[in-house]
Full PDB file with SEQRES, HELIX, SHEET, SSBOND, CRYST1, ORIGX, SCALE, CONECT and MASTER records, all heavy atoms in Angstrom:
SEQRES   1 A   40  ASP PHE PHE ILE HIS ILE ALA THR ILE ALA VAL GLY LEU          
SEQRES   2 A   40  LEU LEU ALA ILE GLY LEU GLU GLN THR VAL GLU ALA ILE          
SEQRES   3 A   40  HIS HIS LEU HIS GLN VAL ARG GLU THR ARG GLU ALA LEU          
SEQRES   4 A   40  HIS                                                          
HELIX    1 AA1 PHE A    2  LEU A   39  1                                  38    
CRYST1    1.000    1.000    1.000  90.00  90.00  90.00 P 1           1          
ORIGX1      1.000000  0.000000  0.000000        0.00000                         
ORIGX2      0.000000  1.000000  0.000000        0.00000                         
ORIGX3      0.000000  0.000000  1.000000        0.00000                         
SCALE1      1.000000  0.000000  0.000000        0.00000                         
SCALE2      0.000000  1.000000  0.000000        0.00000                         
SCALE3      0.000000  0.000000  1.000000        0.00000                         
ATOM      1  N   ASP A   1      79.066  14.749  17.556  1.00  0.00           N  
ATOM      2  CA  ASP A   1      78.400  14.133  16.401  1.00  0.00           C  
ATOM      3  C   ASP A   1      77.449  13.024  16.843  1.00  0.00           C  
ATOM      4  O   ASP A   1      76.347  12.850  16.295  1.00  0.00           O  
ATOM      5  CB  ASP A   1      79.456  13.551  15.453  1.00  0.00           C  
ATOM      6  CG  ASP A   1      80.321  14.622  14.811  1.00  0.00           C  
ATOM      7  OD1 ASP A   1      79.802  15.750  14.645  1.00  0.00           O  
ATOM      8  OD2 ASP A   1      81.475  14.324  14.508  1.00  0.00           O  
ATOM      9  N   PHE A   2      77.895  12.261  17.851  1.00  0.00           N  
ATOM     10  CA  PHE A   2      77.068  11.151  18.344  1.00  0.00           C  
ATOM     11  C   PHE A   2      75.753  11.659  18.920  1.00  0.00           C  
ATOM     12  O   PHE A   2      74.670  11.155  18.607  1.00  0.00           O  
ATOM     13  CB  PHE A   2      77.858  10.367  19.405  1.00  0.00           C  
ATOM     14  CG  PHE A   2      77.048   9.315  20.097  1.00  0.00           C  
ATOM     15  CD1 PHE A   2      76.752   8.110  19.455  1.00  0.00           C  
ATOM     16  CD2 PHE A   2      76.561   9.534  21.380  1.00  0.00           C  
ATOM     17  CE1 PHE A   2      76.003   7.154  20.096  1.00  0.00           C  
ATOM     18  CE2 PHE A   2      75.801   8.574  22.012  1.00  0.00           C  
ATOM     19  CZ  PHE A   2      75.514   7.376  21.375  1.00  0.00           C  
ATOM     20  N   PHE A   3      75.836  12.697  19.760  1.00  0.00           N  
ATOM     21  CA  PHE A   3      74.616  13.223  20.377  1.00  0.00           C  
ATOM     22  C   PHE A   3      73.703  13.890  19.347  1.00  0.00           C  
ATOM     23  O   PHE A   3      72.473  13.834  19.457  1.00  0.00           O  
ATOM     24  CB  PHE A   3      74.986  14.206  21.492  1.00  0.00           C  
ATOM     25  CG  PHE A   3      75.481  13.538  22.734  1.00  0.00           C  
ATOM     26  CD1 PHE A   3      76.767  13.807  23.219  1.00  0.00           C  
ATOM     27  CD2 PHE A   3      74.690  12.624  23.419  1.00  0.00           C  
ATOM     28  CE1 PHE A   3      77.228  13.175  24.358  1.00  0.00           C  
ATOM     29  CE2 PHE A   3      75.153  12.002  24.565  1.00  0.00           C  
ATOM     30  CZ  PHE A   3      76.426  12.267  25.033  1.00  0.00           C  
ATOM     31  N   ILE A   4      74.325  14.523  18.340  1.00  0.00           N  
ATOM     32  CA  ILE A   4      73.491  15.113  17.268  1.00  0.00           C  
ATOM     33  C   ILE A   4      72.745  14.013  16.532  1.00  0.00           C  
ATOM     34  O   ILE A   4      71.551  14.138  16.197  1.00  0.00           O  
ATOM     35  CB  ILE A   4      74.366  15.933  16.298  1.00  0.00           C  
ATOM     36  CG1 ILE A   4      74.881  17.202  17.004  1.00  0.00           C  
ATOM     37  CG2 ILE A   4      73.588  16.297  15.040  1.00  0.00           C  
ATOM     38  CD1 ILE A   4      75.889  17.977  16.168  1.00  0.00           C  
ATOM     39  N   HIS A   5      73.448  12.919  16.277  1.00  0.00           N  
ATOM     40  CA  HIS A   5      72.817  11.792  15.589  1.00  0.00           C  
ATOM     41  C   HIS A   5      71.662  11.226  16.411  1.00  0.00           C  
ATOM     42  O   HIS A   5      70.572  10.960  15.882  1.00  0.00           O  
ATOM     43  CB  HIS A   5      73.887  10.717  15.341  1.00  0.00           C  
ATOM     44  CG  HIS A   5      73.352   9.532  14.595  1.00  0.00           C  
ATOM     45  ND1 HIS A   5      72.913   9.606  13.291  1.00  0.00           N  
ATOM     46  CD2 HIS A   5      73.203   8.229  14.974  1.00  0.00           C  
ATOM     47  CE1 HIS A   5      72.520   8.418  12.897  1.00  0.00           C  
ATOM     48  NE2 HIS A   5      72.685   7.557  13.905  1.00  0.00           N  
ATOM     49  N   ILE A   6      71.895  11.042  17.727  1.00  0.00           N  
ATOM     50  CA  ILE A   6      70.839  10.534  18.609  1.00  0.00           C  
ATOM     51  C   ILE A   6      69.655  11.497  18.654  1.00  0.00           C  
ATOM     52  O   ILE A   6      68.486  11.104  18.602  1.00  0.00           O  
ATOM     53  CB  ILE A   6      71.393  10.306  20.025  1.00  0.00           C  
ATOM     54  CG1 ILE A   6      72.436   9.174  20.018  1.00  0.00           C  
ATOM     55  CG2 ILE A   6      70.273   9.979  21.012  1.00  0.00           C  
ATOM     56  CD1 ILE A   6      71.891   7.839  19.579  1.00  0.00           C  
ATOM     57  N   ALA A   7      69.961  12.806  18.742  1.00  0.00           N  
ATOM     58  CA  ALA A   7      68.892  13.811  18.786  1.00  0.00           C  
ATOM     59  C   ALA A   7      68.065  13.788  17.510  1.00  0.00           C  
ATOM     60  O   ALA A   7      66.838  13.933  17.530  1.00  0.00           O  
ATOM     61  CB  ALA A   7      69.494  15.186  19.023  1.00  0.00           C  
ATOM     62  N   THR A   8      68.748  13.601  16.386  1.00  0.00           N  
ATOM     63  CA  THR A   8      68.039  13.538  15.102  1.00  0.00           C  
ATOM     64  C   THR A   8      67.071  12.359  15.074  1.00  0.00           C  
ATOM     65  O   THR A   8      65.923  12.475  14.632  1.00  0.00           O  
ATOM     66  CB  THR A   8      69.045  13.423  13.944  1.00  0.00           C  
ATOM     67  OG1 THR A   8      69.937  14.535  13.991  1.00  0.00           O  
ATOM     68  CG2 THR A   8      68.327  13.378  12.611  1.00  0.00           C  
ATOM     69  N   ILE A   9      67.557  11.226  15.555  1.00  0.00           N  
ATOM     70  CA  ILE A   9      66.689  10.045  15.597  1.00  0.00           C  
ATOM     71  C   ILE A   9      65.504  10.283  16.528  1.00  0.00           C  
ATOM     72  O   ILE A   9      64.351   9.955  16.212  1.00  0.00           O  
ATOM     73  CB  ILE A   9      67.498   8.819  16.074  1.00  0.00           C  
ATOM     74  CG1 ILE A   9      68.551   8.455  15.024  1.00  0.00           C  
ATOM     75  CG2 ILE A   9      66.584   7.630  16.336  1.00  0.00           C  
ATOM     76  CD1 ILE A   9      69.505   7.358  15.461  1.00  0.00           C  
ATOM     77  N   ALA A  10      65.770  10.874  17.701  1.00  0.00           N  
ATOM     78  CA  ALA A  10      64.706  11.133  18.675  1.00  0.00           C  
ATOM     79  C   ALA A  10      63.654  12.070  18.103  1.00  0.00           C  
ATOM     80  O   ALA A  10      62.444  11.851  18.248  1.00  0.00           O  
ATOM     81  CB  ALA A  10      65.298  11.709  19.964  1.00  0.00           C  
ATOM     82  N   VAL A  11      64.112  13.165  17.457  1.00  0.00           N  
ATOM     83  CA  VAL A  11      63.175  14.116  16.849  1.00  0.00           C  
ATOM     84  C   VAL A  11      62.337  13.416  15.785  1.00  0.00           C  
ATOM     85  O   VAL A  11      61.119  13.626  15.665  1.00  0.00           O  
ATOM     86  CB  VAL A  11      63.931  15.318  16.265  1.00  0.00           C  
ATOM     87  CG1 VAL A  11      62.987  16.172  15.419  1.00  0.00           C  
ATOM     88  CG2 VAL A  11      64.541  16.144  17.381  1.00  0.00           C  
ATOM     89  N   GLY A  12      62.979  12.547  14.995  1.00  0.00           N  
ATOM     90  CA  GLY A  12      62.241  11.821  13.973  1.00  0.00           C  
ATOM     91  C   GLY A  12      61.175  10.922  14.557  1.00  0.00           C  
ATOM     92  O   GLY A  12      60.050  10.850  14.051  1.00  0.00           O  
ATOM     93  N   LEU A  13      61.540  10.240  15.653  1.00  0.00           N  
ATOM     94  CA  LEU A  13      60.564   9.374  16.316  1.00  0.00           C  
ATOM     95  C   LEU A  13      59.407  10.180  16.893  1.00  0.00           C  
ATOM     96  O   LEU A  13      58.240   9.793  16.781  1.00  0.00           O  
ATOM     97  CB  LEU A  13      61.255   8.578  17.429  1.00  0.00           C  
ATOM     98  CG  LEU A  13      62.201   7.457  16.985  1.00  0.00           C  
ATOM     99  CD1 LEU A  13      62.935   6.863  18.177  1.00  0.00           C  
ATOM    100  CD2 LEU A  13      61.418   6.361  16.246  1.00  0.00           C  
ATOM    101  N   LEU A  14      59.747  11.316  17.530  1.00  0.00           N  
ATOM    102  CA  LEU A  14      58.693  12.163  18.098  1.00  0.00           C  
ATOM    103  C   LEU A  14      57.766  12.692  17.019  1.00  0.00           C  
ATOM    104  O   LEU A  14      56.540  12.761  17.205  1.00  0.00           O  
ATOM    105  CB  LEU A  14      59.318  13.316  18.876  1.00  0.00           C  
ATOM    106  CG  LEU A  14      60.010  12.948  20.196  1.00  0.00           C  
ATOM    107  CD1 LEU A  14      60.715  14.169  20.784  1.00  0.00           C  
ATOM    108  CD2 LEU A  14      59.002  12.388  21.190  1.00  0.00           C  
ATOM    109  N   LEU A  15      58.344  13.086  15.879  1.00  0.00           N  
ATOM    110  CA  LEU A  15      57.510  13.558  14.776  1.00  0.00           C  
ATOM    111  C   LEU A  15      56.599  12.452  14.264  1.00  0.00           C  
ATOM    112  O   LEU A  15      55.416  12.672  13.961  1.00  0.00           O  
ATOM    113  CB  LEU A  15      58.393  14.088  13.638  1.00  0.00           C  
ATOM    114  CG  LEU A  15      59.101  15.421  13.895  1.00  0.00           C  
ATOM    115  CD1 LEU A  15      60.050  15.752  12.740  1.00  0.00           C  
ATOM    116  CD2 LEU A  15      58.068  16.549  14.054  1.00  0.00           C  
ATOM    117  N   ALA A  16      57.169  11.233  14.166  1.00  0.00           N  
ATOM    118  CA  ALA A  16      56.362  10.110  13.687  1.00  0.00           C  
ATOM    119  C   ALA A  16      55.227   9.800  14.652  1.00  0.00           C  
ATOM    120  O   ALA A  16      54.079   9.576  14.242  1.00  0.00           O  
ATOM    121  CB  ALA A  16      57.254   8.878  13.498  1.00  0.00           C  
ATOM    122  N   ILE A  17      55.568   9.799  15.967  1.00  0.00           N  
ATOM    123  CA  ILE A  17      54.535   9.527  16.979  1.00  0.00           C  
ATOM    124  C   ILE A  17      53.484  10.632  16.972  1.00  0.00           C  
ATOM    125  O   ILE A  17      52.268  10.385  17.039  1.00  0.00           O  
ATOM    126  CB  ILE A  17      55.179   9.396  18.368  1.00  0.00           C  
ATOM    127  CG1 ILE A  17      56.061   8.146  18.424  1.00  0.00           C  
ATOM    128  CG2 ILE A  17      54.110   9.343  19.460  1.00  0.00           C  
ATOM    129  CD1 ILE A  17      56.890   8.041  19.691  1.00  0.00           C  
ATOM    130  N   GLY A  18      53.946  11.880  16.896  1.00  0.00           N  
ATOM    131  CA  GLY A  18      53.007  13.001  16.865  1.00  0.00           C  
ATOM    132  C   GLY A  18      52.090  12.937  15.665  1.00  0.00           C  
ATOM    133  O   GLY A  18      50.888  13.202  15.760  1.00  0.00           O  
ATOM    134  N   LEU A  19      52.661  12.579  14.506  1.00  0.00           N  
ATOM    135  CA  LEU A  19      51.847  12.461  13.294  1.00  0.00           C  
ATOM    136  C   LEU A  19      50.825  11.343  13.441  1.00  0.00           C  
ATOM    137  O   LEU A  19      49.657  11.501  13.062  1.00  0.00           O  
ATOM    138  CB  LEU A  19      52.759  12.196  12.093  1.00  0.00           C  
ATOM    139  CG  LEU A  19      52.065  12.039  10.736  1.00  0.00           C  
ATOM    140  CD1 LEU A  19      51.312  13.330  10.385  1.00  0.00           C  
ATOM    141  CD2 LEU A  19      53.079  11.713   9.647  1.00  0.00           C  
ATOM    142  N   GLU A  20      51.262  10.224  14.022  1.00  0.00           N  
ATOM    143  CA  GLU A  20      50.345   9.101  14.219  1.00  0.00           C  
ATOM    144  C   GLU A  20      49.216   9.486  15.162  1.00  0.00           C  
ATOM    145  O   GLU A  20      48.041   9.171  14.919  1.00  0.00           O  
ATOM    146  CB  GLU A  20      51.114   7.905  14.776  1.00  0.00           C  
ATOM    147  CG  GLU A  20      50.243   6.670  14.986  1.00  0.00           C  
ATOM    148  CD  GLU A  20      51.019   5.507  15.568  1.00  0.00           C  
ATOM    149  OE1 GLU A  20      52.221   5.674  15.854  1.00  0.00           O  
ATOM    150  OE2 GLU A  20      50.416   4.425  15.748  1.00  0.00           O  
ATOM    151  N   GLN A  21      49.580  10.183  16.247  1.00  0.00           N  
ATOM    152  CA  GLN A  21      48.554  10.608  17.206  1.00  0.00           C  
ATOM    153  C   GLN A  21      47.603  11.629  16.591  1.00  0.00           C  
ATOM    154  O   GLN A  21      46.406  11.628  16.881  1.00  0.00           O  
ATOM    155  CB  GLN A  21      49.228  11.175  18.461  1.00  0.00           C  
ATOM    156  CG  GLN A  21      49.932  10.138  19.309  1.00  0.00           C  
ATOM    157  CD  GLN A  21      50.580  10.738  20.542  1.00  0.00           C  
ATOM    158  OE1 GLN A  21      50.851  11.942  20.590  1.00  0.00           O  
ATOM    159  NE2 GLN A  21      50.848   9.899  21.551  1.00  0.00           N  
ATOM    160  N   THR A  22      48.139  12.490  15.744  1.00  0.00           N  
ATOM    161  CA  THR A  22      47.292  13.480  15.075  1.00  0.00           C  
ATOM    162  C   THR A  22      46.295  12.793  14.152  1.00  0.00           C  
ATOM    163  O   THR A  22      45.101  13.126  14.134  1.00  0.00           O  
ATOM    164  CB  THR A  22      48.155  14.461  14.272  1.00  0.00           C  
ATOM    165  OG1 THR A  22      49.048  15.140  15.155  1.00  0.00           O  
ATOM    166  CG2 THR A  22      47.282  15.477  13.551  1.00  0.00           C  
ATOM    167  N   VAL A  23      46.786  11.811  13.389  1.00  0.00           N  
ATOM    168  CA  VAL A  23      45.898  11.051  12.495  1.00  0.00           C  
ATOM    169  C   VAL A  23      44.836  10.319  13.298  1.00  0.00           C  
ATOM    170  O   VAL A  23      43.655  10.300  12.937  1.00  0.00           O  
ATOM    171  CB  VAL A  23      46.724  10.060  11.649  1.00  0.00           C  
ATOM    172  CG1 VAL A  23      45.801   9.120  10.881  1.00  0.00           C  
ATOM    173  CG2 VAL A  23      47.635  10.803  10.689  1.00  0.00           C  
ATOM    174  N   GLU A  24      45.272   9.720  14.446  1.00  0.00           N  
ATOM    175  CA  GLU A  24      44.327   8.995  15.292  1.00  0.00           C  
ATOM    176  C   GLU A  24      43.294   9.939  15.895  1.00  0.00           C  
ATOM    177  O   GLU A  24      42.103   9.613  15.967  1.00  0.00           O  
ATOM    178  CB  GLU A  24      45.079   8.270  16.405  1.00  0.00           C  
ATOM    179  CG  GLU A  24      44.196   7.360  17.249  1.00  0.00           C  
ATOM    180  CD  GLU A  24      44.982   6.583  18.282  1.00  0.00           C  
ATOM    181  OE1 GLU A  24      46.217   6.763  18.351  1.00  0.00           O  
ATOM    182  OE2 GLU A  24      44.363   5.792  19.023  1.00  0.00           O  
ATOM    183  N   ALA A  25      43.739  11.127  16.330  1.00  0.00           N  
ATOM    184  CA  ALA A  25      42.809  12.103  16.909  1.00  0.00           C  
ATOM    185  C   ALA A  25      41.788  12.567  15.874  1.00  0.00           C  
ATOM    186  O   ALA A  25      40.601  12.712  16.178  1.00  0.00           O  
ATOM    187  CB  ALA A  25      43.588  13.298  17.455  1.00  0.00           C  
ATOM    188  N   ILE A  26      42.258  12.792  14.640  1.00  0.00           N  
ATOM    189  CA  ILE A  26      41.343  13.192  13.573  1.00  0.00           C  
ATOM    190  C   ILE A  26      40.333  12.080  13.299  1.00  0.00           C  
ATOM    191  O   ILE A  26      39.135  12.332  13.094  1.00  0.00           O  
ATOM    192  CB  ILE A  26      42.136  13.538  12.293  1.00  0.00           C  
ATOM    193  CG1 ILE A  26      42.961  14.811  12.514  1.00  0.00           C  
ATOM    194  CG2 ILE A  26      41.204  13.719  11.101  1.00  0.00           C  
ATOM    195  CD1 ILE A  26      43.900  15.137  11.366  1.00  0.00           C  
ATOM    196  N   HIS A  27      40.836  10.828  13.338  1.00  0.00           N  
ATOM    197  CA  HIS A  27      39.941   9.676  13.132  1.00  0.00           C  
ATOM    198  C   HIS A  27      38.892   9.597  14.237  1.00  0.00           C  
ATOM    199  O   HIS A  27      37.715   9.349  13.976  1.00  0.00           O  
ATOM    200  CB  HIS A  27      40.761   8.391  13.089  1.00  0.00           C  
ATOM    201  CG  HIS A  27      39.925   7.147  12.953  1.00  0.00           C  
ATOM    202  ND1 HIS A  27      39.121   6.906  11.858  1.00  0.00           N  
ATOM    203  CD2 HIS A  27      39.770   6.081  13.792  1.00  0.00           C  
ATOM    204  CE1 HIS A  27      38.507   5.748  12.018  1.00  0.00           C  
ATOM    205  NE2 HIS A  27      38.880   5.231  13.179  1.00  0.00           N  
ATOM    206  N   HIS A  28      39.301   9.841  15.494  1.00  0.00           N  
ATOM    207  CA  HIS A  28      38.371   9.813  16.614  1.00  0.00           C  
ATOM    208  C   HIS A  28      37.322  10.916  16.485  1.00  0.00           C  
ATOM    209  O   HIS A  28      36.133  10.692  16.758  1.00  0.00           O  
ATOM    210  CB  HIS A  28      39.133   9.964  17.929  1.00  0.00           C  
ATOM    211  CG  HIS A  28      39.896   8.732  18.306  1.00  0.00           C  
ATOM    212  ND1 HIS A  28      40.832   8.722  19.333  1.00  0.00           N  
ATOM    213  CD2 HIS A  28      39.886   7.470  17.799  1.00  0.00           C  
ATOM    214  CE1 HIS A  28      41.339   7.511  19.437  1.00  0.00           C  
ATOM    215  NE2 HIS A  28      40.790   6.735  18.514  1.00  0.00           N  
ATOM    216  N   LEU A  29      37.773  12.112  16.085  1.00  0.00           N  
ATOM    217  CA  LEU A  29      36.820  13.209  15.889  1.00  0.00           C  
ATOM    218  C   LEU A  29      35.810  12.861  14.810  1.00  0.00           C  
ATOM    219  O   LEU A  29      34.618  13.168  14.934  1.00  0.00           O  
ATOM    220  CB  LEU A  29      37.580  14.488  15.511  1.00  0.00           C  
ATOM    221  CG  LEU A  29      38.396  15.159  16.632  1.00  0.00           C  
ATOM    222  CD1 LEU A  29      39.218  16.311  16.056  1.00  0.00           C  
ATOM    223  CD2 LEU A  29      37.481  15.665  17.733  1.00  0.00           C  
ATOM    224  N   HIS A  30      36.284  12.204  13.771  1.00  0.00           N  
ATOM    225  CA  HIS A  30      35.396  11.783  12.684  1.00  0.00           C  
ATOM    226  C   HIS A  30      34.394  10.749  13.191  1.00  0.00           C  
ATOM    227  O   HIS A  30      33.199  10.813  12.857  1.00  0.00           O  
ATOM    228  CB  HIS A  30      36.230  11.208  11.539  1.00  0.00           C  
ATOM    229  CG  HIS A  30      35.410  10.774  10.358  1.00  0.00           C  
ATOM    230  ND1 HIS A  30      34.728  11.658   9.552  1.00  0.00           N  
ATOM    231  CD2 HIS A  30      35.158   9.526   9.854  1.00  0.00           C  
ATOM    232  CE1 HIS A  30      34.109  11.002   8.597  1.00  0.00           C  
ATOM    233  NE2 HIS A  30      34.343   9.699   8.763  1.00  0.00           N  
ATOM    234  N   GLN A  31      34.876   9.801  14.014  1.00  0.00           N  
ATOM    235  CA  GLN A  31      33.985   8.782  14.570  1.00  0.00           C  
ATOM    236  C   GLN A  31      32.911   9.413  15.452  1.00  0.00           C  
ATOM    237  O   GLN A  31      31.725   9.052  15.359  1.00  0.00           O  
ATOM    238  CB  GLN A  31      34.790   7.769  15.397  1.00  0.00           C  
ATOM    239  CG  GLN A  31      35.584   6.763  14.593  1.00  0.00           C  
ATOM    240  CD  GLN A  31      36.319   5.795  15.497  1.00  0.00           C  
ATOM    241  OE1 GLN A  31      37.138   6.195  16.332  1.00  0.00           O  
ATOM    242  NE2 GLN A  31      36.028   4.515  15.354  1.00  0.00           N  
ATOM    243  N   VAL A  32      33.324  10.352  16.312  1.00  0.00           N  
ATOM    244  CA  VAL A  32      32.372  11.010  17.208  1.00  0.00           C  
ATOM    245  C   VAL A  32      31.351  11.817  16.413  1.00  0.00           C  
ATOM    246  O   VAL A  32      30.144  11.793  16.712  1.00  0.00           O  
ATOM    247  CB  VAL A  32      33.118  11.910  18.221  1.00  0.00           C  
ATOM    248  CG1 VAL A  32      32.128  12.772  19.001  1.00  0.00           C  
ATOM    249  CG2 VAL A  32      33.944  11.056  19.177  1.00  0.00           C  
ATOM    250  N   ARG A  33      31.827  12.531  15.383  1.00  0.00           N  
ATOM    251  CA  ARG A  33      30.909  13.320  14.564  1.00  0.00           C  
ATOM    252  C   ARG A  33      29.884  12.422  13.867  1.00  0.00           C  
ATOM    253  O   ARG A  33      28.682  12.736  13.835  1.00  0.00           O  
ATOM    254  CB  ARG A  33      31.706  14.129  13.540  1.00  0.00           C  
ATOM    255  CG  ARG A  33      30.822  15.044  12.682  1.00  0.00           C  
ATOM    256  CD  ARG A  33      31.643  16.012  11.843  1.00  0.00           C  
ATOM    257  NE  ARG A  33      32.513  15.299  10.908  1.00  0.00           N  
ATOM    258  CZ  ARG A  33      33.818  15.224  11.011  1.00  0.00           C  
ATOM    259  NH1 ARG A  33      34.447  15.801  12.039  1.00  0.00           N  
ATOM    260  NH2 ARG A  33      34.542  14.571  10.119  1.00  0.00           N  
ATOM    261  N   GLU A  34      30.348  11.309  13.313  1.00  0.00           N  
ATOM    262  CA  GLU A  34      29.430  10.379  12.643  1.00  0.00           C  
ATOM    263  C   GLU A  34      28.439   9.775  13.640  1.00  0.00           C  
ATOM    264  O   GLU A  34      27.254   9.625  13.324  1.00  0.00           O  
ATOM    265  CB  GLU A  34      30.223   9.256  11.966  1.00  0.00           C  
ATOM    266  CG  GLU A  34      30.903   9.653  10.670  1.00  0.00           C  
ATOM    267  CD  GLU A  34      31.507   8.447   9.963  1.00  0.00           C  
ATOM    268  OE1 GLU A  34      31.825   7.452  10.649  1.00  0.00           O  
ATOM    269  OE2 GLU A  34      31.660   8.504   8.725  1.00  0.00           O  
ATOM    270  N   THR A  35      28.932   9.439  14.834  1.00  0.00           N  
ATOM    271  CA  THR A  35      28.059   8.854  15.853  1.00  0.00           C  
ATOM    272  C   THR A  35      26.996   9.844  16.302  1.00  0.00           C  
ATOM    273  O   THR A  35      25.821   9.493  16.454  1.00  0.00           O  
ATOM    274  CB  THR A  35      28.896   8.396  17.064  1.00  0.00           C  
ATOM    275  OG1 THR A  35      29.796   7.359  16.642  1.00  0.00           O  
ATOM    276  CG2 THR A  35      28.009   7.871  18.177  1.00  0.00           C  
ATOM    277  N   ARG A  36      27.402  11.090  16.516  1.00  0.00           N  
ATOM    278  CA  ARG A  36      26.424  12.101  16.935  1.00  0.00           C  
ATOM    279  C   ARG A  36      25.364  12.320  15.868  1.00  0.00           C  
ATOM    280  O   ARG A  36      24.179  12.491  16.170  1.00  0.00           O  
ATOM    281  CB  ARG A  36      27.137  13.412  17.249  1.00  0.00           C  
ATOM    282  CG  ARG A  36      27.847  13.414  18.608  1.00  0.00           C  
ATOM    283  CD  ARG A  36      28.654  14.656  18.823  1.00  0.00           C  
ATOM    284  NE  ARG A  36      29.215  14.723  20.173  1.00  0.00           N  
ATOM    285  CZ  ARG A  36      30.288  15.407  20.495  1.00  0.00           C  
ATOM    286  NH1 ARG A  36      30.944  16.101  19.560  1.00  0.00           N  
ATOM    287  NH2 ARG A  36      30.735  15.409  21.738  1.00  0.00           N  
ATOM    288  N   GLU A  37      25.764  12.301  14.619  1.00  0.00           N  
ATOM    289  CA  GLU A  37      24.800  12.468  13.533  1.00  0.00           C  
ATOM    290  C   GLU A  37      23.829  11.285  13.494  1.00  0.00           C  
ATOM    291  O   GLU A  37      22.618  11.474  13.328  1.00  0.00           O  
ATOM    292  CB  GLU A  37      25.535  12.585  12.197  1.00  0.00           C  
ATOM    293  CG  GLU A  37      24.606  12.823  11.010  1.00  0.00           C  
ATOM    294  CD  GLU A  37      25.369  12.985   9.702  1.00  0.00           C  
ATOM    295  OE1 GLU A  37      26.618  13.021   9.732  1.00  0.00           O  
ATOM    296  OE2 GLU A  37      24.694  13.061   8.650  1.00  0.00           O  
ATOM    297  N   ALA A  38      24.374  10.062  13.668  1.00  0.00           N  
ATOM    298  CA  ALA A  38      23.520   8.878  13.674  1.00  0.00           C  
ATOM    299  C   ALA A  38      22.556   8.897  14.861  1.00  0.00           C  
ATOM    300  O   ALA A  38      21.372   8.551  14.729  1.00  0.00           O  
ATOM    301  CB  ALA A  38      24.378   7.612  13.709  1.00  0.00           C  
ATOM    302  N   LEU A  39      23.054   9.313  16.035  1.00  0.00           N  
ATOM    303  CA  LEU A  39      22.195   9.399  17.216  1.00  0.00           C  
ATOM    304  C   LEU A  39      21.135  10.475  17.063  1.00  0.00           C  
ATOM    305  O   LEU A  39      20.002  10.316  17.535  1.00  0.00           O  
ATOM    306  CB  LEU A  39      23.051   9.671  18.459  1.00  0.00           C  
ATOM    307  CG  LEU A  39      23.944   8.525  18.941  1.00  0.00           C  
ATOM    308  CD1 LEU A  39      24.870   9.000  20.052  1.00  0.00           C  
ATOM    309  CD2 LEU A  39      23.110   7.347  19.413  1.00  0.00           C  
ATOM    310  N   HIS A  40      21.499  11.561  16.414  1.00  0.00           N  
ATOM    311  CA  HIS A  40      20.539  12.638  16.156  1.00  0.00           C  
ATOM    312  C   HIS A  40      19.391  12.120  15.282  1.00  0.00           C  
ATOM    313  O   HIS A  40      18.206  12.350  15.588  1.00  0.00           O  
ATOM    314  CB  HIS A  40      21.249  13.801  15.470  1.00  0.00           C  
ATOM    315  CG  HIS A  40      20.345  14.928  15.072  1.00  0.00           C  
ATOM    316  ND1 HIS A  40      19.866  15.867  15.973  1.00  0.00           N  
ATOM    317  CD2 HIS A  40      19.816  15.260  13.865  1.00  0.00           C  
ATOM    318  CE1 HIS A  40      19.095  16.723  15.343  1.00  0.00           C  
ATOM    319  NE2 HIS A  40      19.042  16.385  14.068  1.00  0.00           N  
TER     320      HIS A  40                                                      
MASTER        0    0    0    1    0    0    0    6  319    1    0    4          
END                                                                             
């Protein structure tokens, strides 16, 4: 039960980090797209 509980917490943290990184990556892509349009 203890290891299942720890694994659940770890998976939750990984999902949160992955979601944050995904949002950040989308934001970076948006920044690059806007910059390229402005430079064009």
